[in-house]
C-alpha atoms as a PDB file:
ATOM      1  CA  MET A   1       0.000   0.000   0.000  1.00  0.00           C
ATOM      2  CA  VAL A   2       1.746   3.161  -1.215  1.00  0.00           C
ATOM      3  CA  GLY A   3      -0.608   5.985  -0.154  1.00  0.00           C
ATOM      4  CA  VAL A   4      -1.581   5.881   3.507  1.00  0.00           C
ATOM      5  CA  ALA A   5      -2.872   3.337   6.014  1.00  0.00           C
ATOM      6  CA  ALA A   6      -4.035   3.135   9.598  1.00  0.00           C
ATOM      7  CA  GLU A   7      -2.665   0.138  11.449  1.00  0.00           C
ATOM      8  CA  LEU A   8      -4.810  -2.045  13.674  1.00  0.00           C
ATOM      9  CA  THR A   9      -3.000  -4.517  15.881  1.00  0.00           C
ATOM     10  CA  MET A  10      -4.240  -6.896  18.496  1.00  0.00           C
ATOM     11  CA  ASP A  11      -2.069  -5.018  21.030  1.00  0.00           C
ATOM     12  CA  GLY A  12      -4.575  -2.180  21.344  1.00  0.00           C
ATOM     13  CA  PHE A  13      -7.428  -4.550  22.083  1.00  0.00           C
ATOM     14  CA  GLN A  14      -6.277  -6.653  25.029  1.00  0.00           C
ATOM     15  CA  PRO A  15      -9.720  -8.178  25.727  1.00  0.00           C
ATOM     16  CA  VAL A  16      -9.869  -9.351  22.103  1.00  0.00           C
ATOM     17  CA  LEU A  17      -6.320 -10.693  22.305  1.00  0.00           C
ATOM     18  CA  ASP A  18      -7.144 -12.589  25.491  1.00  0.00           C
ATOM     19  CA  ALA A  19     -10.326 -14.049  23.996  1.00  0.00           C
ATOM     20  CA  LEU A  20      -8.517 -15.136  20.827  1.00  0.00           C
ATOM     21  CA  SER A  21      -5.495 -16.644  22.568  1.00  0.00           C
ATOM     22  CA  GLY A  22      -6.968 -20.137  22.253  1.00  0.00           C
ATOM     23  CA  PHE A  23      -7.759 -19.746  18.559  1.00  0.00           C
ATOM     24  CA  GLY A  24      -5.502 -20.765  15.688  1.00  0.00           C
ATOM     25  CA  PRO A  25      -3.830 -18.474  13.150  1.00  0.00           C
ATOM     26  CA  ALA A  26      -6.675 -18.726  10.617  1.00  0.00           C
ATOM     27  CA  ASP A  27      -9.238 -17.595  13.187  1.00  0.00           C
ATOM     28  CA  ARG A  28      -6.987 -14.781  14.411  1.00  0.00           C
ATOM     29  CA  ARG A  29      -6.567 -13.664  10.784  1.00  0.00           C
ATOM     30  CA  GLU A  30     -10.328 -13.719  10.297  1.00  0.00           C
ATOM     31  CA  ALA A  31     -10.741 -11.603  13.445  1.00  0.00           C
ATOM     32  CA  LEU A  32      -8.243  -9.074  12.050  1.00  0.00           C
ATOM     33  CA  GLU A  33     -10.158  -9.004   8.762  1.00  0.00           C
ATOM     34  CA  ILE A  34     -13.327  -8.231  10.732  1.00  0.00           C
ATOM     35  CA  MET A  35     -11.519  -5.464  12.637  1.00  0.00           C
ATOM     36  CA  GLY A  36     -10.203  -4.032   9.371  1.00  0.00           C
ATOM     37  CA  GLY A  37     -13.689  -4.191   7.873  1.00  0.00           C
ATOM     38  CA  VAL A  38     -15.099  -2.127  10.723  1.00  0.00           C
ATOM     39  CA  ALA A  39     -12.332   0.473  10.364  1.00  0.00           C
ATOM     40  CA  GLU A  40     -12.730   0.550   6.582  1.00  0.00           C
ATOM     41  CA  SER A  41     -16.508   1.047   6.915  1.00  0.00           C
ATOM     42  CA  ALA A  42     -15.897   3.901   9.352  1.00  0.00           C
ATOM     43  CA  ALA A  43     -13.518   5.594   6.879  1.00  0.00           C
ATOM     44  CA  ARG A  44     -16.065   5.196   4.075  1.00  0.00           C
ATOM     45  CA  ARG A  45     -18.766   6.723   6.276  1.00  0.00           C
ATOM     46  CA  ARG A  46     -16.512   9.692   7.107  1.00  0.00           C
ATOM     47  CA  LEU A  47     -15.809  10.294   3.434  1.00  0.00           C
ATOM     48  CA  SER A  48     -19.378   9.928   2.191  1.00  0.00           C
ATOM     49  CA  ASP A  49     -21.468  11.342   5.039  1.00  0.00           C
ATOM     50  CA  GLU A  50     -19.828  12.730   8.161  1.00  0.00           C
ATOM     51  CA  LYS A  51     -17.083  14.965   6.735  1.00  0.00           C
ATOM     52  CA  GLN A  52     -15.186  14.874  10.012  1.00  0.00           C
ATOM     53  CA  GLY A  53     -12.193  13.099  11.489  1.00  0.00           C
ATOM     54  CA  PRO A  54     -12.370  10.092  13.789  1.00  0.00           C
ATOM     55  CA  HIS A  55     -12.207  12.313  16.860  1.00  0.00           C
ATOM     56  CA  GLY A  56     -15.106  14.512  15.728  1.00  0.00           C
ATOM     57  CA  GLU A  57     -13.114  17.415  14.261  1.00  0.00           C
ATOM     58  CA  ARG A  58     -15.002  18.977  11.324  1.00  0.00           C
ATOM     59  CA  TRP A  59     -13.034  19.137   8.103  1.00  0.00           C
ATOM     60  CA  PRO A  60     -12.169  22.575   6.725  1.00  0.00           C
ATOM     61  CA  GLU A  61     -14.368  23.627   3.805  1.00  0.00           C
ATOM     62  CA  TRP A  62     -12.929  24.143   0.346  1.00  0.00           C
ATOM     63  CA  SER A  63     -11.336  27.478  -0.383  1.00  0.00           C
ATOM     64  CA  PRO A  64     -13.774  29.791  -2.228  1.00  0.00           C
ATOM     65  CA  ALA A  65     -11.685  29.570  -5.420  1.00  0.00           C
ATOM     66  CA  TYR A  66     -11.643  25.768  -5.351  1.00  0.00           C
ATOM     67  CA  ALA A  67     -15.345  25.571  -4.459  1.00  0.00           C
ATOM     68  CA  ARG A  68     -16.167  27.417  -7.702  1.00  0.00           C
ATOM     69  CA  THR A  69     -14.605  24.520  -9.652  1.00  0.00           C
ATOM     70  CA  ARG A  70     -16.791  21.857  -7.993  1.00  0.00           C
ATOM     71  CA  HIS A  71     -20.130  20.538  -9.221  1.00  0.00           C
ATOM     72  CA  ALA A  72     -23.305  20.121  -7.164  1.00  0.00           C
ATOM     73  CA  ASN A  73     -22.809  16.361  -6.778  1.00  0.00           C
ATOM     74  CA  GLN A  74     -19.250  16.719  -5.437  1.00  0.00           C
ATOM     75  CA  SER A  75     -18.367  17.070  -1.767  1.00  0.00           C
ATOM     76  CA  LEU A  76     -15.244  17.215   0.387  1.00  0.00           C
ATOM     77  CA  LEU A  77     -12.930  14.347  -0.593  1.00  0.00           C
ATOM     78  CA  VAL A  78     -15.576  12.878  -2.896  1.00  0.00           C
ATOM     79  CA  SER A  79     -15.333  14.065  -6.468  1.00  0.00           C
ATOM     80  CA  GLU A  80     -15.315  11.118  -8.847  1.00  0.00           C
ATOM     81  CA  GLY A  81     -15.244   8.588  -5.979  1.00  0.00           C
ATOM     82  CA  HIS A  82     -11.671   7.389  -6.536  1.00  0.00           C
ATOM     83  CA  LEU A  83     -10.535   7.788  -2.912  1.00  0.00           C
ATOM     84  CA  ILE A  84     -13.518   6.032  -1.356  1.00  0.00           C
ATOM     85  CA  ASP A  85     -13.370   3.306  -4.019  1.00  0.00           C
ATOM     86  CA  SER A  86      -9.675   2.741  -3.314  1.00  0.00           C
ATOM     87  CA  LEU A  87     -10.069   2.009   0.411  1.00  0.00           C
ATOM     88  CA  GLN A  88      -8.990  -1.490   1.319  1.00  0.00           C
ATOM     89  CA  THR A  89      -8.016  -3.734   4.193  1.00  0.00           C
ATOM     90  CA  VAL A  90      -4.819  -5.785   4.084  1.00  0.00           C
ATOM     91  CA  VAL A  91      -4.029  -8.315   6.821  1.00  0.00           C
ATOM     92  CA  SER A  92      -0.447  -9.369   7.402  1.00  0.00           C
ATOM     93  CA  GLY A  93       0.615 -11.359  10.443  1.00  0.00           C
ATOM     94  CA  GLU A  94      -0.995  -9.813  13.512  1.00  0.00           C
ATOM     95  CA  VAL A  95      -1.744  -6.478  11.808  1.00  0.00           C
ATOM     96  CA  ALA A  96      -4.633  -5.180   9.708  1.00  0.00           C
ATOM     97  CA  LEU A  97      -3.877  -2.142   7.555  1.00  0.00           C
ATOM     98  CA  VAL A  98      -6.751   0.004   6.369  1.00  0.00           C
ATOM     99  CA  GLY A  99      -6.096   2.684   3.816  1.00  0.00           C
ATOM    100  CA  SER A 100      -5.678   3.663   0.198  1.00  0.00           C
ATOM    101  CA  PRO A 101      -2.851   3.027  -2.251  1.00  0.00           C
ATOM    102  CA  LEU A 102      -3.522   6.369  -3.974  1.00  0.00           C
ATOM    103  CA  VAL A 103      -0.596   8.756  -3.678  1.00  0.00           C
ATOM    104  CA  TYR A 104      -2.853  11.704  -2.786  1.00  0.00           C
ATOM    105  CA  ALA A 105      -4.596   9.758   0.001  1.00  0.00           C
ATOM    106  CA  ALA A 106      -1.866  10.788   2.453  1.00  0.00           C
ATOM    107  CA  ILE A 107      -2.220  14.457   1.450  1.00  0.00           C
ATOM    108  CA  HIS A 108      -5.862  14.396   2.499  1.00  0.00           C
ATOM    109  CA  GLN A 109      -5.143  12.494   5.722  1.00  0.00           C
ATOM    110  CA  PHE A 110      -2.199  14.644   6.877  1.00  0.00           C
ATOM    111  CA  GLY A 111      -2.506  17.840   4.826  1.00  0.00           C
ATOM    112  CA  GLY A 112      -0.219  19.114   2.131  1.00  0.00           C
ATOM    113  CA  GLU A 113       2.018  21.412   4.163  1.00  0.00           C
ATOM    114  CA  PRO A 114       4.859  18.856   4.563  1.00  0.00           C
ATOM    115  CA  VAL A 115       5.182  18.711   0.755  1.00  0.00           C
ATOM    116  CA  GLY A 116       4.535  22.399   0.060  1.00  0.00           C
ATOM    117  CA  MET A 117       0.840  22.170  -0.856  1.00  0.00           C
ATOM    118  CA  ALA A 118      -1.834  24.422   0.631  1.00  0.00           C
ATOM    119  CA  ILE A 119      -4.258  21.588   1.379  1.00  0.00           C
ATOM    120  CA  PRO A 120      -5.570  21.263   4.956  1.00  0.00           C
ATOM    121  CA  GLU A 121      -5.617  17.895   6.673  1.00  0.00           C
ATOM    122  CA  ARG A 122      -8.929  16.082   6.574  1.00  0.00           C
ATOM    123  CA  PRO A 123      -8.297  12.840   8.480  1.00  0.00           C
ATOM    124  CA  TYR A 124     -10.604  10.003   7.485  1.00  0.00           C
ATOM    125  CA  LEU A 125      -8.600   7.018   8.788  1.00  0.00           C
ATOM    126  CA  GLY A 126      -8.565   5.964  12.417  1.00  0.00           C
ATOM    127  CA  LEU A 127     -11.073   4.887  15.026  1.00  0.00           C
ATOM    128  CA  SER A 128     -13.496   6.969  17.049  1.00  0.00           C
ATOM    129  CA  GLY A 129     -14.665   5.761  20.448  1.00  0.00           C
ATOM    130  CA  GLU A 130     -17.859   4.521  18.813  1.00  0.00           C
ATOM    131  CA  ASP A 131     -15.840   2.741  16.119  1.00  0.00           C
ATOM    132  CA  GLU A 132     -13.831   0.958  18.811  1.00  0.00           C
ATOM    133  CA  LEU A 133     -17.057  -0.238  20.451  1.00  0.00           C
ATOM    134  CA  ASP A 134     -18.344  -1.424  17.052  1.00  0.00           C
ATOM    135  CA  LEU A 135     -15.065  -3.217  16.467  1.00  0.00           C
ATOM    136  CA  LEU A 136     -15.159  -4.970  19.830  1.00  0.00           C
ATOM    137  CA  SER A 137     -18.803  -5.934  19.313  1.00  0.00           C
ATOM    138  CA  ALA A 138     -18.064  -7.398  15.872  1.00  0.00           C
ATOM    139  CA  VAL A 139     -15.171  -9.466  17.201  1.00  0.00           C
ATOM    140  CA  GLN A 140     -17.230 -10.615  20.193  1.00  0.00           C
ATOM    141  CA  ASP A 141     -19.913 -11.806  17.752  1.00  0.00           C
ATOM    142  CA  PHE A 142     -17.197 -13.632  15.796  1.00  0.00           C
ATOM    143  CA  ILE A 143     -15.914 -15.314  18.960  1.00  0.00           C
ATOM    144  CA  ARG A 144     -19.452 -16.320  20.027  1.00  0.00           C
ATOM    145  CA  GLY A 145     -20.002 -17.828  16.592  1.00  0.00           C
ATOM    146  CA  LYS A 146     -16.745 -19.790  16.799  1.00  0.00           C
ATOM    147  CA  LEU A 147     -17.596 -21.101  20.263  1.00  0.00           C
ATOM    148  CA  HIS A 148     -20.943 -22.383  18.995  1.00  0.00           C
ATOM    149  CA  GLU A 149     -19.491 -24.192  15.922  1.00  0.00           C
END
């Protein structure tokens, strides 16, 4: 993944890690895929609907000059849909990466100042408190399902 990614590891979710300790690698991988899916869905929701970062910070509006170049069906970070369509989850070992391989994905996440571009940061990757609860709930459902197999 070239653009930008948020990393989810089991380390940040000790109750999940404890519950999965008796499971094999395939089940742990599936749990990470579920975690990544929740984080990816949250990023998609931020891009399409919320227009705010994972911690509730509203994204800056377009500059007036740039806004004049946009069409009625375009919104912040959603023009032709390339960014939202490029979001993906990749699981490797004990880590799930959620992000986009698009080069400009990092510019939107972190802003353009580090590379000399006047583009404000509009973070869309990461987990809110509600996202973390959704993630834990999804993995708990997975574990319940595995215990009843």
